[in-house]
Amino acid sequence: MTGAPTAKQALAELTLGKRPAGRTLLTADWVLAHDGDGHVLLRRGEVVLDGATVIFTGHGFGGEVARRIDFGAALISPGLVDLDALSDLDTTILGIDHFPGWKKGRVWPQSYVDAGPYEMYSPEELAFQKRFAFGQLLLNGITTAAPIASLFYREWAETMAEFDAAADAAGELGLRVYLSPAYRAGGMVLHAPGDMRPHFDEARGLAGLRDAAAFIARQSGRHEGLVQGMLAPDRVETCTAALLRETMSEAANLDVKVRLHMAQGQMEVDTVKALHGSTAPVWLDREGLLSDRLIAPHATNATDEDLRLYASHGVSIVHCPLVSARGGSSLHSFSKLRAMGVNIAMGTDTTPPDMLMNLLIGLITCRMNDGEPDRITTRDLFDAATLGGARALGRDDLGRLAPGSRADIAVFGLDDLYMAPTIDPITTLVTGGSGKVTQAVFVDGRLSMRFGELAGIDMVAARAQAQAQFDRLIAQYPARTWDHPPVADIFPPSYPISEARNA
């Protein structure tokens, strides 16, 4: 007599990218359900999916089901929400050991502008990198994402064509996305070593906004609602007041959120102060542009006045602790913002898009800033990665598992050989887990990932393609770097490299 099939065997019977026919009951040692007030842990709990919806969480479901899948030593969790999800190949990696940024191709030199900025990727490469990034998000248990990409290596802004391809990729892979092409009215230009000045072309920014709005009108709601719109002006220092006023007006017309990077770095703070005489949040408040429609990564350089403005206007921030800490900054602090009533969502903003790793860095940096450990717990970070992101989007059917919620689910293994034995699953995952323990992902009831397999992309082959594409990108850096040094001088190796000699 054979026993019940393993979770891997049971999932192998399902079609990737499709909703299973009939009801599916999922169970595991732990289920993170929502009881109407907050998350609750169910020991040996059950979640029942019917189409795109969760119809039951609890114990002892009495109805008929088409299949039962037992994940054993695992946590069945709401899918994670990433509101600053990298959708290109990560150029921030190039800046980890190479300083200053202006000397390493992170700011356009005047000579590059005079020669005419150009796209450093082909249209096919732009489409590929978003598909690859979406696959990485699913591998890490992220079910809802607001993509972000650098404009450093673009001609000016993102294009409609690449985002049409991104919408199709999200639909084919089964990822919930909020997106539209990023646009800007200006950018920083390097006039001399260390001398960075903003250059503006407001008409070009307004044209980008019109394109983004047209994209949202055409694409929002496609793929059974997986594709939704969000306006994404690039960074606050690259925007004019007129562009931001038109953005917020268009967002109200379309009823979408606006993501604007703000209070995130010293260059931004200095530039906005020189242009407008204040910090960015104070400037936007003066212009009447702060509201609960606004989602603002990263707030690491926000003043107390800035934070009070966020709280009073209902602005959500997106906390990206890993990429911030890697650059030497942090949120001051998670517990302080939460006590002020600021809604905190989470983002990864780098590769790998490992949300669990970000939650650990967020825990550590908050406790270091607070000077004591008891103002924040692992559950606070996990809330931000689920409920906080859903709240920022205005969705009470995401970030939770409860009857009527969307069937966006991530299953995290708790018996990984490199993890400590489990007492509490949330503490275990945040302090010792990583995205690599993600076993399965359902989005809107569709099986989007099972044990490393995805619908619509071979990630092994894609990884090799991504490396070749990244190598081509790096080879173009001399043209856009001050004085045009060779790549070996821009990005020297961490240790001297010794090559094998020919016999």
Protein backbone atom coordinates (compact mmCIF):
# COMPACT_ATOMS: atom_id res chain seq x y z
CA MET A 1 0.00 0.00 0.00
CA THR A 2 1.49 3.33 -1.00
CA GLY A 3 1.30 6.43 1.17
CA ALA A 4 0.00 9.85 0.28
CA PRO A 5 2.00 11.66 -2.44
CA THR A 6 4.61 14.18 -1.36
CA ALA A 7 3.99 17.86 -2.07
CA LYS A 8 6.49 17.68 -4.93
CA GLN A 9 4.66 14.72 -6.44
CA ALA A 10 1.26 16.34 -6.00
CA LEU A 11 2.39 19.61 -7.58
CA ALA A 12 3.91 17.71 -10.51
CA GLU A 13 0.38 16.63 -11.44
CA LEU A 14 -0.65 20.27 -11.87
CA THR A 15 0.04 22.50 -14.87
CA LEU A 16 2.41 25.39 -14.25
CA GLY A 17 0.82 28.74 -15.00
CA LYS A 18 -2.73 27.40 -14.68
CA ARG A 19 -5.33 27.22 -11.95
CA PRO A 20 -6.01 23.64 -10.86
CA ALA A 21 -9.48 22.38 -11.74
CA GLY A 22 -11.68 22.11 -8.67
CA ARG A 23 -10.91 22.97 -5.09
CA THR A 24 -7.38 22.53 -3.74
CA LEU A 25 -6.67 22.04 -0.04
CA LEU A 26 -3.19 22.99 1.12
CA THR A 27 -1.88 22.03 4.52
CA ALA A 28 1.44 22.17 6.36
CA ASP A 29 2.85 22.24 9.84
CA TRP A 30 2.06 25.97 9.89
CA VAL A 31 -0.40 28.26 8.10
CA LEU A 32 -0.32 32.04 8.48
CA ALA A 33 -4.00 32.99 8.25
CA HIS A 34 -5.81 36.26 8.95
CA ASP A 35 -8.62 36.44 11.49
CA GLY A 36 -9.91 39.91 10.62
CA ASP A 37 -7.65 41.69 13.10
CA GLY A 38 -4.27 40.39 12.04
CA HIS A 39 -2.18 37.37 11.12
CA VAL A 40 -2.56 34.23 13.24
CA LEU A 41 -0.52 31.02 13.12
CA LEU A 42 -2.47 27.80 12.64
CA ARG A 43 -0.66 24.66 13.68
CA ARG A 44 -1.41 21.99 11.04
CA GLY A 45 -3.84 24.44 9.47
CA GLU A 46 -5.57 24.28 6.09
CA VAL A 47 -6.10 26.69 3.22
CA VAL A 48 -8.64 25.89 0.51
CA LEU A 49 -8.48 27.53 -2.92
CA ASP A 50 -11.33 27.63 -5.39
CA GLY A 51 -10.30 29.26 -8.62
CA ALA A 52 -8.64 32.61 -7.87
CA THR A 53 -9.97 32.88 -4.33
CA VAL A 54 -9.31 31.52 -0.86
CA ILE A 55 -12.57 30.08 0.48
CA PHE A 56 -11.39 28.62 3.80
CA THR A 57 -8.62 28.92 6.37
CA GLY A 58 -8.67 26.94 9.57
CA HIS A 59 -8.87 23.31 10.63
CA GLY A 60 -11.00 20.42 9.45
CA PHE A 61 -12.51 21.69 6.20
CA GLY A 62 -15.70 19.70 5.67
CA GLY A 63 -16.35 20.33 1.99
CA GLU A 64 -15.37 18.37 -1.08
CA VAL A 65 -11.94 19.01 -2.62
CA ALA A 66 -10.32 17.81 -5.82
CA ARG A 67 -6.91 17.34 -4.16
CA ARG A 68 -5.04 17.69 -0.90
CA ILE A 69 -1.39 18.79 -0.86
CA ASP A 70 0.54 18.43 2.39
CA PHE A 71 3.79 20.42 2.51
CA GLY A 72 4.78 18.99 5.89
CA ALA A 73 7.54 20.99 7.60
CA ALA A 74 6.67 24.30 5.95
CA LEU A 75 4.82 27.58 6.37
CA ILE A 76 1.93 28.39 4.03
CA SER A 77 2.01 32.18 3.92
CA PRO A 78 0.37 35.03 2.08
CA GLY A 79 2.46 35.89 -0.96
CA LEU A 80 5.00 38.65 -0.32
CA VAL A 81 4.45 42.17 -1.68
CA ASP A 82 7.50 43.97 -3.16
CA LEU A 83 6.83 47.60 -4.05
CA ASP A 84 10.37 48.38 -5.24
CA ALA A 85 11.13 45.24 -7.23
CA LEU A 86 14.13 45.39 -9.52
CA SER A 87 13.19 44.66 -13.13
CA ASP A 88 16.57 45.00 -14.80
CA LEU A 89 20.09 43.68 -14.29
CA ASP A 90 21.38 45.15 -11.06
CA THR A 91 23.88 47.94 -11.71
CA THR A 92 23.94 48.89 -8.00
CA ILE A 93 26.17 45.84 -7.54
CA LEU A 94 28.81 47.72 -9.53
CA GLY A 95 28.90 50.47 -6.91
CA ILE A 96 29.45 48.35 -3.83
CA ASP A 97 33.26 48.62 -3.84
CA HIS A 98 33.79 51.36 -6.44
CA PHE A 99 33.70 55.00 -5.35
CA PRO A 100 32.84 57.80 -5.88
CA GLY A 101 29.76 57.21 -8.01
CA TRP A 102 30.45 60.11 -10.37
CA LYS A 103 33.78 58.52 -11.25
CA LYS A 104 32.24 55.10 -11.93
CA GLY A 105 29.63 55.86 -14.56
CA ARG A 106 26.76 56.43 -12.12
CA VAL A 107 26.21 60.00 -13.39
CA TRP A 108 26.23 61.09 -17.03
CA PRO A 109 29.28 63.23 -17.88
CA GLN A 110 28.70 66.27 -20.08
CA SER A 111 30.68 64.62 -22.87
CA TYR A 112 28.21 61.73 -22.95
CA VAL A 113 25.27 64.14 -23.08
CA ASP A 114 26.90 66.13 -25.88
CA ALA A 115 27.45 62.94 -27.87
CA GLY A 116 23.78 62.05 -27.47
CA PRO A 117 22.61 59.54 -24.81
CA TYR A 118 21.56 56.21 -26.24
CA GLU A 119 19.88 52.99 -25.16
CA MET A 120 22.50 50.59 -23.84
CA TYR A 121 20.12 47.64 -24.25
CA SER A 122 18.29 46.49 -27.36
CA PRO A 123 14.47 46.20 -27.24
CA GLU A 124 14.85 42.41 -27.05
CA GLU A 125 17.24 42.71 -24.11
CA LEU A 126 14.89 45.08 -22.29
CA ALA A 127 12.04 42.60 -22.69
CA PHE A 128 14.22 39.70 -21.58
CA GLN A 129 15.53 41.32 -18.42
CA LYS A 130 12.02 42.01 -17.14
CA ARG A 131 10.94 38.43 -17.75
CA PHE A 132 14.09 37.19 -16.00
CA ALA A 133 13.54 39.55 -13.06
CA PHE A 134 9.90 38.48 -12.74
CA GLY A 135 11.06 34.87 -12.58
CA GLN A 136 13.47 35.73 -9.78
CA LEU A 137 10.69 37.42 -7.82
CA LEU A 138 8.52 34.32 -7.98
CA LEU A 139 11.41 32.11 -6.93
CA ASN A 140 11.64 34.21 -3.77
CA GLY A 141 7.96 33.97 -2.81
CA ILE A 142 6.99 37.41 -4.11
CA THR A 143 3.53 37.41 -5.66
CA THR A 144 2.88 41.15 -6.10
CA ALA A 145 5.52 43.51 -7.46
CA ALA A 146 5.92 47.12 -8.53
CA PRO A 147 8.91 46.97 -10.90
CA ILE A 148 11.77 49.48 -10.70
CA ALA A 149 14.70 49.98 -13.06
CA SER A 150 17.63 52.35 -13.37
CA LEU A 151 17.51 55.09 -15.98
CA PHE A 152 21.29 55.65 -15.87
CA TYR A 153 21.83 53.54 -18.98
CA ARG A 154 18.72 54.61 -20.87
CA GLU A 155 18.40 57.23 -23.58
CA TRP A 156 15.99 59.10 -21.31
CA ALA A 157 13.09 57.08 -19.89
CA GLU A 158 11.40 53.70 -20.16
CA THR A 159 9.39 52.84 -23.27
CA MET A 160 5.86 51.68 -23.95
CA ALA A 161 7.15 48.72 -25.98
CA GLU A 162 9.23 47.27 -23.16
CA PHE A 163 6.32 47.60 -20.75
CA ASP A 164 3.90 45.97 -23.16
CA ALA A 165 6.38 43.09 -23.14
CA ALA A 166 6.58 43.26 -19.33
CA ALA A 167 2.79 43.03 -19.02
CA ASP A 168 2.79 39.94 -21.23
CA ALA A 169 5.64 38.42 -19.22
CA ALA A 170 3.74 38.97 -15.96
CA GLY A 171 0.67 37.31 -17.44
CA GLU A 172 2.59 34.34 -18.79
CA LEU A 173 4.65 33.77 -15.65
CA GLY A 174 1.75 34.48 -13.29
CA LEU A 175 2.99 37.50 -11.31
CA ARG A 176 0.75 40.29 -10.04
CA VAL A 177 2.27 43.63 -11.11
CA TYR A 178 1.62 47.35 -10.70
CA LEU A 179 3.50 49.21 -13.40
CA SER A 180 3.89 51.70 -16.22
CA PRO A 181 6.96 53.19 -17.93
CA ALA A 182 9.03 55.46 -15.67
CA TYR A 183 9.50 59.04 -16.84
CA ARG A 184 11.39 62.14 -15.75
CA ALA A 185 11.84 65.82 -16.53
CA GLY A 186 15.56 65.91 -15.89
CA GLY A 187 18.69 64.25 -14.62
CA MET A 188 22.04 64.94 -13.04
CA VAL A 189 24.96 65.74 -15.33
CA LEU A 190 28.63 65.77 -14.34
CA HIS A 191 30.31 69.03 -15.45
CA ALA A 192 33.63 68.43 -13.67
CA PRO A 193 34.90 65.95 -11.07
CA GLY A 194 32.34 66.05 -8.26
CA ASP A 195 30.37 68.89 -9.92
CA MET A 196 26.89 67.44 -10.58
CA ARG A 197 24.13 69.72 -11.83
CA PRO A 198 20.50 69.02 -12.72
CA HIS A 199 19.47 69.44 -16.37
CA PHE A 200 15.75 69.65 -17.18
CA ASP A 201 13.53 69.06 -20.19
CA GLU A 202 10.03 69.38 -18.78
CA ALA A 203 8.28 68.81 -22.11
CA ARG A 204 9.97 65.44 -22.39
CA GLY A 205 8.80 64.52 -18.90
CA LEU A 206 5.20 65.49 -19.67
CA ALA A 207 5.34 63.41 -22.85
CA GLY A 208 6.53 60.46 -20.75
CA LEU A 209 3.61 60.94 -18.37
CA ARG A 210 1.18 60.88 -21.31
CA ASP A 211 2.74 57.64 -22.53
CA ALA A 212 2.49 56.10 -19.05
CA ALA A 213 -1.15 57.09 -18.73
CA ALA A 214 -1.92 55.64 -22.17
CA PHE A 215 -0.18 52.41 -21.16
CA ILE A 216 -2.29 52.13 -18.01
CA ALA A 217 -5.50 52.81 -19.91
CA ARG A 218 -4.62 50.07 -22.40
CA GLN A 219 -3.09 47.43 -20.10
CA SER A 220 -4.73 47.75 -16.69
CA GLY A 221 -6.84 44.70 -15.90
CA ARG A 222 -5.25 42.42 -18.48
CA HIS A 223 -4.40 38.79 -17.73
CA GLU A 224 -7.44 38.44 -15.47
CA GLY A 225 -6.43 41.43 -13.40
CA LEU A 226 -2.79 40.50 -12.78
CA VAL A 227 -1.64 43.65 -14.60
CA GLN A 228 -2.55 46.93 -12.90
CA GLY A 229 -1.35 50.48 -13.35
CA MET A 230 0.89 52.64 -11.19
CA LEU A 231 2.46 55.93 -12.25
CA ALA A 232 6.20 55.99 -11.62
CA PRO A 233 7.96 59.34 -12.00
CA ASP A 234 11.62 58.42 -11.59
CA ARG A 235 13.06 60.33 -8.62
CA VAL A 236 11.94 63.51 -6.94
CA GLU A 237 15.04 65.49 -7.96
CA THR A 238 14.42 64.62 -11.62
CA CYS A 239 10.88 66.05 -11.55
CA THR A 240 9.49 69.56 -11.80
CA ALA A 241 6.49 70.84 -9.88
CA ALA A 242 4.46 70.94 -13.07
CA LEU A 243 5.27 67.32 -13.88
CA LEU A 244 4.32 66.18 -10.38
CA ARG A 245 1.08 68.19 -10.41
CA GLU A 246 0.10 66.62 -13.71
CA THR A 247 1.11 63.20 -12.38
CA MET A 248 -1.13 63.45 -9.33
CA SER A 249 -3.99 64.78 -11.45
CA GLU A 250 -3.65 61.92 -13.92
CA ALA A 251 -3.40 59.42 -11.07
CA ALA A 252 -6.73 60.69 -9.72
CA ASN A 253 -8.29 60.35 -13.16
CA LEU A 254 -7.00 56.80 -13.54
CA ASP A 255 -7.50 55.96 -9.83
CA VAL A 256 -3.98 54.59 -9.47
CA LYS A 257 -1.15 55.01 -7.00
CA VAL A 258 2.01 57.03 -7.62
CA ARG A 259 5.45 55.79 -6.61
CA LEU A 260 8.12 58.48 -6.23
CA HIS A 261 11.59 57.86 -4.80
CA MET A 262 12.16 60.53 -2.19
CA ALA A 263 14.27 61.29 0.90
CA GLN A 264 16.68 58.58 -0.15
CA GLY A 265 20.15 60.10 -0.53
CA GLN A 266 22.39 63.10 0.11
CA MET A 267 22.66 64.07 -3.55
CA GLU A 268 18.88 64.28 -3.72
CA VAL A 269 18.65 66.26 -0.48
CA ASP A 270 21.27 68.77 -1.65
CA THR A 271 19.77 69.10 -5.13
CA VAL A 272 16.19 69.62 -3.95
CA LYS A 273 17.32 72.14 -1.33
CA ALA A 274 19.23 74.11 -3.98
CA LEU A 275 16.23 74.02 -6.34
CA HIS A 276 13.36 74.50 -3.90
CA GLY A 277 14.85 75.62 -0.58
CA SER A 278 13.64 72.64 1.44
CA THR A 279 13.54 68.87 1.65
CA ALA A 280 11.49 67.03 -0.96
CA PRO A 281 8.56 66.13 1.33
CA VAL A 282 8.31 69.75 2.53
CA TRP A 283 8.41 70.93 -1.11
CA LEU A 284 5.65 68.50 -2.13
CA ASP A 285 3.55 69.51 0.88
CA ARG A 286 3.94 73.16 -0.12
CA GLU A 287 2.69 72.20 -3.59
CA GLY A 288 -0.28 70.28 -2.14
CA LEU A 289 0.97 66.96 -3.58
CA LEU A 290 1.21 64.72 -0.51
CA SER A 291 -1.64 62.23 -0.09
CA ASP A 292 -2.40 58.58 0.55
CA ARG A 293 -2.08 58.05 -3.20
CA LEU A 294 1.70 58.45 -2.84
CA ILE A 295 4.12 55.57 -2.22
CA ALA A 296 7.62 56.82 -1.39
CA PRO A 297 10.74 54.67 -1.23
CA HIS A 298 13.10 54.92 0.85
CA ALA A 299 12.86 57.62 3.57
CA THR A 300 16.40 56.92 4.79
CA ASN A 301 17.25 60.65 4.61
CA ALA A 302 13.90 61.90 5.89
CA THR A 303 13.86 64.47 8.68
CA ASP A 304 11.42 64.35 11.59
CA GLU A 305 9.40 67.03 9.81
CA ASP A 306 9.34 64.91 6.65
CA LEU A 307 8.09 61.90 8.59
CA ARG A 308 5.38 63.91 10.30
CA LEU A 309 4.19 65.05 6.89
CA TYR A 310 4.12 61.45 5.66
CA ALA A 311 2.07 60.43 8.69
CA SER A 312 -0.41 63.31 8.46
CA HIS A 313 -1.03 62.82 4.72
CA GLY A 314 -1.16 59.00 4.71
CA VAL A 315 1.95 58.55 2.54
CA SER A 316 3.24 54.96 2.52
CA ILE A 317 6.98 54.39 2.52
CA VAL A 318 8.76 51.41 0.97
CA HIS A 319 11.54 50.10 3.18
CA CYS A 320 14.44 48.48 1.28
CA PRO A 321 16.86 47.72 4.12
CA LEU A 322 19.38 45.57 2.25
CA VAL A 323 20.21 47.98 -0.56
CA SER A 324 20.16 50.94 1.86
CA ALA A 325 22.43 49.30 4.42
CA ARG A 326 24.79 48.15 1.69
CA GLY A 327 25.28 51.82 0.83
CA GLY A 328 25.72 52.86 4.46
CA SER A 329 22.24 54.22 5.26
CA SER A 330 19.16 52.98 7.07
CA LEU A 331 15.65 53.92 8.07
CA HIS A 332 15.57 55.97 11.32
CA SER A 333 13.73 53.91 12.35
CA PHE A 334 11.15 51.28 11.50
CA SER A 335 9.73 51.31 15.02
CA LYS A 336 9.64 55.12 15.09
CA LEU A 337 7.69 55.36 11.82
CA ARG A 338 5.30 52.65 12.94
CA ALA A 339 4.65 54.51 16.21
CA MET A 340 3.97 57.69 14.20
CA GLY A 341 1.35 55.85 12.17
CA VAL A 342 3.27 55.75 8.87
CA ASN A 343 2.35 52.72 6.78
CA ILE A 344 5.48 50.73 5.95
CA ALA A 345 5.66 48.44 2.93
CA MET A 346 8.73 46.48 1.84
CA GLY A 347 10.88 46.41 -1.26
CA THR A 348 13.99 44.53 -2.37
CA ASP A 349 15.42 46.95 -5.00
CA THR A 350 18.34 44.68 -5.84
CA THR A 351 19.34 41.20 -6.93
CA PRO A 352 18.65 38.73 -5.54
CA PRO A 353 15.14 39.92 -4.64
CA ASP A 354 15.31 38.01 -1.37
CA MET A 355 12.60 39.47 0.83
CA LEU A 356 13.44 37.25 3.78
CA MET A 357 17.02 38.55 3.75
CA ASN A 358 15.63 42.09 3.65
CA LEU A 359 13.44 41.41 6.67
CA LEU A 360 16.48 40.28 8.65
CA ILE A 361 18.50 43.37 7.67
CA GLY A 362 15.49 45.51 8.55
CA LEU A 363 15.32 43.90 12.00
CA ILE A 364 19.03 44.39 12.61
CA THR A 365 19.25 48.00 11.43
CA CYS A 366 16.15 49.02 13.39
CA ARG A 367 17.54 47.55 16.59
CA MET A 368 20.89 49.23 16.03
CA ASN A 369 19.21 52.59 15.43
CA ASP A 370 16.90 52.18 18.41
CA GLY A 371 19.75 51.14 20.68
CA GLU A 372 17.59 48.42 22.18
CA PRO A 373 15.98 45.27 20.83
CA ASP A 374 12.44 45.29 22.18
CA ARG A 375 10.83 47.97 19.99
CA ILE A 376 10.51 45.68 16.98
CA THR A 377 9.87 41.99 16.37
CA THR A 378 10.10 39.70 13.37
CA ARG A 379 6.31 39.79 13.01
CA ASP A 380 6.46 43.56 12.47
CA LEU A 381 8.70 43.09 9.44
CA PHE A 382 6.58 40.21 8.13
CA ASP A 383 3.48 42.40 8.48
CA ALA A 384 5.19 45.06 6.36
CA ALA A 385 6.02 42.52 3.63
CA THR A 386 2.40 41.38 3.44
CA LEU A 387 -0.22 43.66 5.00
CA GLY A 388 1.83 46.87 4.67
CA GLY A 389 2.31 46.41 0.94
CA ALA A 390 -1.35 45.55 0.43
CA ARG A 391 -2.39 48.62 2.43
CA ALA A 392 -0.14 50.87 0.32
CA LEU A 393 -1.90 49.54 -2.79
CA GLY A 394 -5.36 49.94 -1.26
CA ARG A 395 -5.99 46.17 -1.49
CA ASP A 396 -7.54 44.39 1.48
CA ASP A 397 -7.69 41.17 -0.54
CA LEU A 398 -3.89 40.85 -0.82
CA GLY A 399 -1.23 40.17 1.81
CA ARG A 400 -3.53 37.91 3.83
CA LEU A 401 -5.08 34.45 3.74
CA ALA A 402 -8.74 34.62 4.64
CA PRO A 403 -12.02 33.67 2.98
CA GLY A 404 -12.53 36.06 0.06
CA SER A 405 -8.89 37.04 -0.34
CA ARG A 406 -7.05 36.45 -3.60
CA ALA A 407 -5.26 33.11 -3.69
CA ASP A 408 -1.74 34.61 -3.60
CA ILE A 409 0.30 32.13 -1.60
CA ALA A 410 3.96 31.37 -0.90
CA VAL A 411 5.09 28.14 0.74
CA PHE A 412 8.38 28.30 2.64
CA GLY A 413 10.17 25.14 3.72
CA LEU A 414 11.20 24.95 7.36
CA ASP A 415 13.38 21.84 7.18
CA ASP A 416 16.24 23.27 5.13
CA LEU A 417 19.55 21.72 6.22
CA TYR A 418 21.13 25.14 6.76
CA MET A 419 18.37 26.50 9.00
CA ALA A 420 17.99 26.13 12.74
CA PRO A 421 15.23 23.88 14.11
CA THR A 422 11.87 25.65 14.21
CA ILE A 423 10.09 26.90 17.29
CA ASP A 424 8.25 29.81 15.72
CA PRO A 425 8.10 29.74 11.90
CA ILE A 426 8.18 33.52 11.38
CA THR A 427 11.20 34.01 13.63
CA THR A 428 12.91 31.05 11.99
CA LEU A 429 12.37 32.35 8.46
CA VAL A 430 13.31 35.97 9.19
CA THR A 431 16.44 35.21 11.20
CA GLY A 432 17.75 32.18 9.32
CA GLY A 433 15.85 31.71 6.10
CA SER A 434 16.26 32.99 2.58
CA GLY A 435 14.26 33.02 -0.62
CA LYS A 436 15.91 29.72 -1.50
CA VAL A 437 13.53 27.88 0.85
CA THR A 438 10.49 28.90 -1.23
CA GLN A 439 8.84 25.69 -2.39
CA ALA A 440 5.73 26.83 -4.22
CA VAL A 441 3.92 30.00 -5.26
CA PHE A 442 0.29 30.47 -6.27
CA VAL A 443 -0.84 33.81 -7.74
CA ASP A 444 -4.56 34.37 -8.21
CA GLY A 445 -4.94 30.64 -7.75
CA ARG A 446 -2.47 29.81 -10.56
CA LEU A 447 0.51 27.62 -9.80
CA SER A 448 3.29 30.04 -10.77
CA MET A 449 6.28 28.26 -9.22
CA ARG A 450 6.96 24.76 -7.91
CA PHE A 451 10.33 23.77 -6.47
CA GLY A 452 12.28 26.11 -8.75
CA GLU A 453 10.22 25.54 -11.93
CA LEU A 454 8.41 28.44 -13.56
CA ALA A 455 5.91 28.78 -16.36
CA GLY A 456 7.17 30.64 -19.39
CA ILE A 457 10.91 30.72 -18.71
CA ASP A 458 13.84 28.35 -18.28
CA MET A 459 15.73 30.13 -15.52
CA VAL A 460 18.93 28.11 -15.99
CA ALA A 461 19.23 29.17 -19.63
CA ALA A 462 18.04 32.67 -18.73
CA ARG A 463 20.77 33.01 -16.11
CA ALA A 464 23.45 32.44 -18.76
CA GLN A 465 21.74 34.94 -21.06
CA ALA A 466 21.58 37.49 -18.25
CA GLN A 467 25.31 37.15 -17.63
CA ALA A 468 26.16 37.71 -21.29
CA GLN A 469 23.84 40.73 -21.41
CA PHE A 470 25.40 42.17 -18.24
CA ASP A 471 28.88 41.72 -19.68
CA ARG A 472 27.86 43.72 -22.76
CA LEU A 473 26.47 46.46 -20.54
CA ILE A 474 29.69 46.75 -18.54
CA ALA A 475 31.73 46.96 -21.75
CA GLN A 476 29.86 50.20 -22.62
CA TYR A 477 30.69 52.01 -19.38
CA PRO A 478 33.81 53.88 -20.62
CA ALA A 479 31.68 55.98 -23.00
CA ARG A 480 29.51 57.24 -20.14
CA THR A 481 32.21 57.67 -17.47
CA TRP A 482 34.23 60.81 -16.76
CA ASP A 483 37.47 60.88 -18.81
CA HIS A 484 36.46 57.53 -20.39
CA PRO A 485 38.83 55.17 -18.54
CA PRO A 486 38.94 51.48 -19.48
CA VAL A 487 36.58 49.07 -17.72
CA ALA A 488 39.48 47.63 -15.70
CA ASP A 489 40.03 51.06 -14.12
CA ILE A 490 36.34 51.75 -13.53
CA PHE A 491 35.68 48.38 -11.88
CA PRO A 492 38.99 46.94 -10.64
CA PRO A 493 38.78 43.45 -9.13
CA SER A 494 38.60 42.89 -5.38
CA TYR A 495 41.95 41.04 -5.52
CA PRO A 496 44.61 40.95 -8.23
CA ILE A 497 43.77 38.41 -10.92
CA SER A 498 46.36 35.87 -11.98
CA GLU A 499 45.74 34.34 -15.41
CA ALA A 500 46.93 30.88 -16.41
CA ARG A 501 50.02 30.93 -18.64
CA ASN A 502 49.98 29.06 -21.93
CA ALA A 503 52.25 26.03 -21.92
